Amino acid sequence: MENLLKNPEVTEIQVVPIKPVNGLVGFASFVLDQSWYFSSIGIFSRPNGSFRLTYPSKKIGSKSIQIFHPIDKEVGQFIEKVVIKKFEEVTNNYARYSSHYSE
């Protein structure tokens, strides 16, 4: 557990851009510390042009229960940084070759 807190490793990052809907611009998955696979992570745009991640939840009645999410702030910020960097790389490459995304 010490490795996770001091030096997390995020690999196999996959992002899928989508046509924006209410701020949702894509989905991501990744492997954490070669031991955990995380998927269905939403990528949302913020009004200032930056991005944020949301983690899956399940609606039970009128209540939403989070399925998983980082509980350590520094690990969460690190994951957000590397996933958003990958998202920006993918969307920049996609926009370069497709006029549909840049519209």
N, C-alpha and C. Protein backbone atom coordinates (compact mmCIF):
# COMPACT_ATOMS: atom_id res chain seq x y z
N MET A 1 0.82 -1.19 0.00
CA MET A 1 0.00 0.00 0.00
C MET A 1 0.86 1.25 0.00
N GLU A 2 2.06 1.16 0.56
CA GLU A 2 2.94 2.32 0.62
C GLU A 2 3.28 2.81 -0.78
N ASN A 3 3.50 1.87 -1.73
CA ASN A 3 3.81 2.26 -3.11
C ASN A 3 2.67 3.08 -3.70
N LEU A 4 1.44 2.69 -3.45
CA LEU A 4 0.29 3.39 -3.99
C LEU A 4 0.25 4.84 -3.52
N LEU A 5 0.54 5.07 -2.26
CA LEU A 5 0.46 6.41 -1.72
C LEU A 5 1.64 7.28 -2.15
N LYS A 6 2.81 6.69 -2.29
CA LYS A 6 4.00 7.49 -2.59
C LYS A 6 4.32 7.58 -4.07
N ASN A 7 4.01 6.55 -4.82
CA ASN A 7 4.44 6.52 -6.21
C ASN A 7 3.46 5.69 -7.05
N PRO A 8 2.23 6.18 -7.26
CA PRO A 8 1.27 5.38 -8.03
C PRO A 8 1.72 5.27 -9.49
N GLU A 9 1.40 4.14 -10.10
CA GLU A 9 1.72 3.93 -11.50
C GLU A 9 0.40 3.72 -12.26
N VAL A 10 0.13 4.60 -13.20
CA VAL A 10 -1.08 4.50 -14.02
C VAL A 10 -0.63 4.15 -15.44
N THR A 11 -1.08 3.00 -15.93
CA THR A 11 -0.68 2.53 -17.25
C THR A 11 -1.91 2.12 -18.05
N GLU A 12 -1.69 1.73 -19.28
CA GLU A 12 -2.74 1.23 -20.17
C GLU A 12 -3.94 2.16 -20.21
N ILE A 13 -3.67 3.46 -20.25
CA ILE A 13 -4.75 4.44 -20.28
C ILE A 13 -5.43 4.40 -21.65
N GLN A 14 -6.73 4.22 -21.63
CA GLN A 14 -7.53 4.25 -22.85
C GLN A 14 -8.58 5.34 -22.69
N VAL A 15 -8.73 6.18 -23.70
CA VAL A 15 -9.77 7.21 -23.66
C VAL A 15 -10.60 7.12 -24.93
N VAL A 16 -11.88 7.38 -24.78
CA VAL A 16 -12.81 7.38 -25.90
C VAL A 16 -13.55 8.71 -25.89
N PRO A 17 -13.17 9.63 -26.78
CA PRO A 17 -13.90 10.90 -26.86
C PRO A 17 -15.31 10.65 -27.40
N ILE A 18 -16.27 11.44 -26.94
CA ILE A 18 -17.63 11.35 -27.45
C ILE A 18 -18.10 12.75 -27.84
N LYS A 19 -19.18 12.82 -28.57
CA LYS A 19 -19.78 14.11 -28.85
C LYS A 19 -20.26 14.68 -27.52
N PRO A 20 -19.86 15.90 -27.17
CA PRO A 20 -20.19 16.45 -25.85
C PRO A 20 -21.69 16.46 -25.54
N VAL A 21 -22.01 16.00 -24.31
CA VAL A 21 -23.39 15.97 -23.82
C VAL A 21 -23.37 16.45 -22.38
N ASN A 22 -23.94 17.64 -22.13
CA ASN A 22 -23.99 18.19 -20.77
C ASN A 22 -22.63 18.19 -20.07
N GLY A 23 -21.57 18.49 -20.82
CA GLY A 23 -20.23 18.55 -20.25
C GLY A 23 -19.44 17.26 -20.36
N LEU A 24 -20.12 16.13 -20.56
CA LEU A 24 -19.43 14.85 -20.71
C LEU A 24 -18.79 14.82 -22.08
N VAL A 25 -17.46 14.64 -22.13
CA VAL A 25 -16.74 14.66 -23.41
C VAL A 25 -16.02 13.34 -23.72
N GLY A 26 -16.02 12.40 -22.77
CA GLY A 26 -15.36 11.13 -23.04
C GLY A 26 -15.40 10.19 -21.86
N PHE A 27 -14.84 9.01 -22.10
CA PHE A 27 -14.72 7.99 -21.06
C PHE A 27 -13.29 7.48 -21.03
N ALA A 28 -12.87 7.00 -19.88
CA ALA A 28 -11.50 6.51 -19.73
C ALA A 28 -11.47 5.21 -18.94
N SER A 29 -10.38 4.48 -19.15
CA SER A 29 -10.05 3.32 -18.33
C SER A 29 -8.54 3.30 -18.15
N PHE A 30 -8.07 2.62 -17.12
CA PHE A 30 -6.64 2.52 -16.87
C PHE A 30 -6.34 1.40 -15.89
N VAL A 31 -5.06 1.05 -15.80
CA VAL A 31 -4.58 0.07 -14.83
C VAL A 31 -3.76 0.82 -13.79
N LEU A 32 -4.02 0.54 -12.53
CA LEU A 32 -3.31 1.19 -11.42
C LEU A 32 -2.38 0.18 -10.76
N ASP A 33 -1.12 0.55 -10.69
CA ASP A 33 -0.09 -0.27 -10.04
C ASP A 33 -0.06 -1.72 -10.52
N GLN A 34 -0.30 -1.94 -11.80
CA GLN A 34 -0.26 -3.27 -12.40
C GLN A 34 -1.13 -4.28 -11.66
N SER A 35 -2.13 -3.79 -10.90
CA SER A 35 -2.95 -4.69 -10.10
C SER A 35 -4.45 -4.44 -10.20
N TRP A 36 -4.83 -3.22 -10.57
CA TRP A 36 -6.24 -2.86 -10.55
C TRP A 36 -6.64 -2.26 -11.88
N TYR A 37 -7.75 -2.72 -12.44
CA TYR A 37 -8.29 -2.16 -13.67
C TYR A 37 -9.51 -1.31 -13.33
N PHE A 38 -9.53 -0.07 -13.81
CA PHE A 38 -10.64 0.85 -13.57
C PHE A 38 -11.22 1.27 -14.92
N SER A 39 -12.54 1.29 -15.03
CA SER A 39 -13.17 1.67 -16.29
C SER A 39 -14.43 2.49 -16.03
N SER A 40 -15.03 2.94 -17.11
CA SER A 40 -16.26 3.74 -17.07
C SER A 40 -16.09 5.05 -16.32
N ILE A 41 -14.92 5.64 -16.44
CA ILE A 41 -14.64 6.92 -15.78
C ILE A 41 -15.00 8.03 -16.75
N GLY A 42 -15.88 8.92 -16.32
CA GLY A 42 -16.33 10.01 -17.17
C GLY A 42 -15.32 11.15 -17.19
N ILE A 43 -15.17 11.76 -18.34
CA ILE A 43 -14.33 12.95 -18.48
C ILE A 43 -15.27 14.10 -18.82
N PHE A 44 -15.30 15.10 -17.95
CA PHE A 44 -16.19 16.25 -18.11
C PHE A 44 -15.39 17.52 -18.33
N SER A 45 -15.92 18.41 -19.15
CA SER A 45 -15.30 19.72 -19.32
C SER A 45 -15.81 20.64 -18.22
N ARG A 46 -14.94 21.56 -17.81
CA ARG A 46 -15.30 22.59 -16.84
C ARG A 46 -15.52 23.89 -17.60
N PRO A 47 -16.28 24.84 -17.02
CA PRO A 47 -16.51 26.12 -17.69
C PRO A 47 -15.22 26.87 -18.06
N ASN A 48 -14.14 26.67 -17.28
CA ASN A 48 -12.89 27.38 -17.57
C ASN A 48 -12.05 26.70 -18.66
N GLY A 49 -12.57 25.60 -19.23
CA GLY A 49 -11.86 24.91 -20.31
C GLY A 49 -11.03 23.73 -19.85
N SER A 50 -10.87 23.54 -18.55
CA SER A 50 -10.13 22.38 -18.05
C SER A 50 -11.09 21.17 -17.98
N PHE A 51 -10.59 20.06 -17.47
CA PHE A 51 -11.39 18.84 -17.40
C PHE A 51 -11.34 18.26 -15.99
N ARG A 52 -12.32 17.40 -15.69
CA ARG A 52 -12.36 16.69 -14.42
C ARG A 52 -12.84 15.27 -14.68
N LEU A 53 -12.55 14.38 -13.75
CA LEU A 53 -12.98 12.99 -13.87
C LEU A 53 -14.14 12.73 -12.93
N THR A 54 -15.03 11.85 -13.35
CA THR A 54 -16.08 11.36 -12.46
C THR A 54 -16.01 9.84 -12.46
N TYR A 55 -16.30 9.26 -11.33
CA TYR A 55 -16.21 7.81 -11.19
C TYR A 55 -17.61 7.21 -11.16
N PRO A 56 -17.74 5.94 -11.59
CA PRO A 56 -19.06 5.32 -11.72
C PRO A 56 -19.84 5.27 -10.40
N SER A 57 -21.13 5.39 -10.55
CA SER A 57 -22.03 5.22 -9.41
C SER A 57 -23.22 4.40 -9.86
N LYS A 58 -23.94 3.88 -8.90
CA LYS A 58 -25.13 3.09 -9.19
C LYS A 58 -26.29 3.73 -8.46
N LYS A 59 -27.39 3.92 -9.16
CA LYS A 59 -28.56 4.54 -8.56
C LYS A 59 -29.41 3.44 -7.92
N ILE A 60 -29.67 3.60 -6.64
CA ILE A 60 -30.52 2.68 -5.90
C ILE A 60 -31.66 3.51 -5.32
N GLY A 61 -32.82 3.36 -5.91
CA GLY A 61 -33.93 4.23 -5.54
C GLY A 61 -33.60 5.64 -5.95
N SER A 62 -33.65 6.55 -5.00
CA SER A 62 -33.32 7.95 -5.31
C SER A 62 -31.89 8.30 -4.90
N LYS A 63 -31.16 7.31 -4.45
CA LYS A 63 -29.80 7.54 -3.94
C LYS A 63 -28.75 7.00 -4.91
N SER A 64 -27.66 7.76 -5.10
CA SER A 64 -26.53 7.29 -5.91
C SER A 64 -25.43 6.80 -4.99
N ILE A 65 -24.97 5.58 -5.25
CA ILE A 65 -23.89 4.97 -4.47
C ILE A 65 -22.66 4.87 -5.36
N GLN A 66 -21.54 5.43 -4.89
CA GLN A 66 -20.31 5.35 -5.68
C GLN A 66 -19.77 3.93 -5.66
N ILE A 67 -19.38 3.46 -6.85
CA ILE A 67 -18.83 2.11 -6.97
C ILE A 67 -17.37 2.09 -6.56
N PHE A 68 -16.59 3.06 -7.06
CA PHE A 68 -15.20 3.21 -6.65
C PHE A 68 -14.77 4.64 -6.93
N HIS A 69 -13.76 5.09 -6.21
CA HIS A 69 -13.17 6.42 -6.41
C HIS A 69 -11.93 6.51 -5.53
N PRO A 70 -10.99 7.38 -5.90
CA PRO A 70 -9.80 7.55 -5.05
C PRO A 70 -10.21 8.22 -3.72
N ILE A 71 -9.67 7.73 -2.62
CA ILE A 71 -9.95 8.36 -1.34
C ILE A 71 -8.76 9.19 -0.87
N ASP A 72 -7.62 9.01 -1.51
CA ASP A 72 -6.44 9.81 -1.22
C ASP A 72 -6.40 10.95 -2.23
N LYS A 73 -6.44 12.19 -1.76
CA LYS A 73 -6.50 13.36 -2.63
C LYS A 73 -5.33 13.41 -3.61
N GLU A 74 -4.12 13.14 -3.13
CA GLU A 74 -2.95 13.21 -4.00
C GLU A 74 -2.99 12.15 -5.10
N VAL A 75 -3.43 10.94 -4.76
CA VAL A 75 -3.54 9.89 -5.77
C VAL A 75 -4.62 10.27 -6.78
N GLY A 76 -5.75 10.80 -6.30
CA GLY A 76 -6.82 11.23 -7.20
C GLY A 76 -6.35 12.32 -8.15
N GLN A 77 -5.59 13.27 -7.66
CA GLN A 77 -5.08 14.35 -8.51
C GLN A 77 -4.08 13.82 -9.53
N PHE A 78 -3.25 12.87 -9.10
CA PHE A 78 -2.28 12.26 -10.02
C PHE A 78 -3.00 11.53 -11.14
N ILE A 79 -4.00 10.72 -10.79
CA ILE A 79 -4.78 9.98 -11.80
C ILE A 79 -5.43 10.96 -12.76
N GLU A 80 -6.05 12.00 -12.22
CA GLU A 80 -6.70 13.00 -13.07
C GLU A 80 -5.71 13.63 -14.04
N LYS A 81 -4.54 13.96 -13.55
CA LYS A 81 -3.52 14.60 -14.39
C LYS A 81 -3.11 13.71 -15.56
N VAL A 82 -2.80 12.44 -15.30
CA VAL A 82 -2.31 11.58 -16.37
C VAL A 82 -3.42 11.17 -17.33
N VAL A 83 -4.63 10.96 -16.83
CA VAL A 83 -5.74 10.58 -17.70
C VAL A 83 -6.13 11.76 -18.59
N ILE A 84 -6.21 12.95 -18.03
CA ILE A 84 -6.57 14.13 -18.83
C ILE A 84 -5.48 14.45 -19.85
N LYS A 85 -4.23 14.24 -19.49
CA LYS A 85 -3.14 14.45 -20.46
C LYS A 85 -3.33 13.51 -21.66
N LYS A 86 -3.65 12.26 -21.39
CA LYS A 86 -3.89 11.29 -22.47
C LYS A 86 -5.12 11.69 -23.29
N PHE A 87 -6.19 12.15 -22.62
CA PHE A 87 -7.39 12.60 -23.32
C PHE A 87 -7.06 13.75 -24.26
N GLU A 88 -6.29 14.71 -23.78
CA GLU A 88 -5.93 15.87 -24.61
C GLU A 88 -5.07 15.45 -25.80
N GLU A 89 -4.15 14.49 -25.60
CA GLU A 89 -3.35 13.99 -26.71
C GLU A 89 -4.23 13.34 -27.76
N VAL A 90 -5.16 12.50 -27.32
CA VAL A 90 -6.04 11.80 -28.25
C VAL A 90 -6.93 12.78 -29.00
N THR A 91 -7.55 13.71 -28.28
CA THR A 91 -8.47 14.63 -28.95
C THR A 91 -7.72 15.60 -29.86
N ASN A 92 -6.51 16.00 -29.50
CA ASN A 92 -5.72 16.86 -30.39
C ASN A 92 -5.38 16.12 -31.68
N ASN A 93 -5.01 14.86 -31.57
CA ASN A 93 -4.72 14.06 -32.76
C ASN A 93 -5.98 13.85 -33.58
N TYR A 94 -7.09 13.59 -32.91
CA TYR A 94 -8.36 13.35 -33.60
C TYR A 94 -8.81 14.60 -34.34
N ALA A 95 -8.72 15.76 -33.68
CA ALA A 95 -9.14 17.02 -34.29
C ALA A 95 -8.27 17.36 -35.50
N ARG A 96 -7.03 16.96 -35.45
CA ARG A 96 -6.11 17.24 -36.55
C ARG A 96 -6.54 16.52 -37.82
N TYR A 97 -7.13 15.32 -37.67
CA TYR A 97 -7.47 14.50 -38.83
C TYR A 97 -8.97 14.47 -39.14
N SER A 98 -9.78 15.08 -38.29
CA SER A 98 -11.22 15.03 -38.50
C SER A 98 -11.86 16.38 -38.21
N SER A 99 -12.54 16.91 -39.17
CA SER A 99 -13.21 18.19 -38.95
C SER A 99 -14.46 18.02 -38.09
N HIS A 100 -14.95 16.80 -37.93
CA HIS A 100 -16.16 16.56 -37.14
C HIS A 100 -15.96 16.89 -35.67
N TYR A 101 -14.82 16.53 -35.10
CA TYR A 101 -14.62 16.76 -33.66
C TYR A 101 -14.40 18.24 -33.36
N SER A 102 -13.75 18.94 -34.26
CA SER A 102 -13.42 20.33 -33.99
C SER A 102 -14.61 21.27 -34.17
N GLU A 103 -15.71 20.78 -34.69
CA GLU A 103 -16.89 21.65 -34.88
C GLU A 103 -17.66 21.82 -33.61
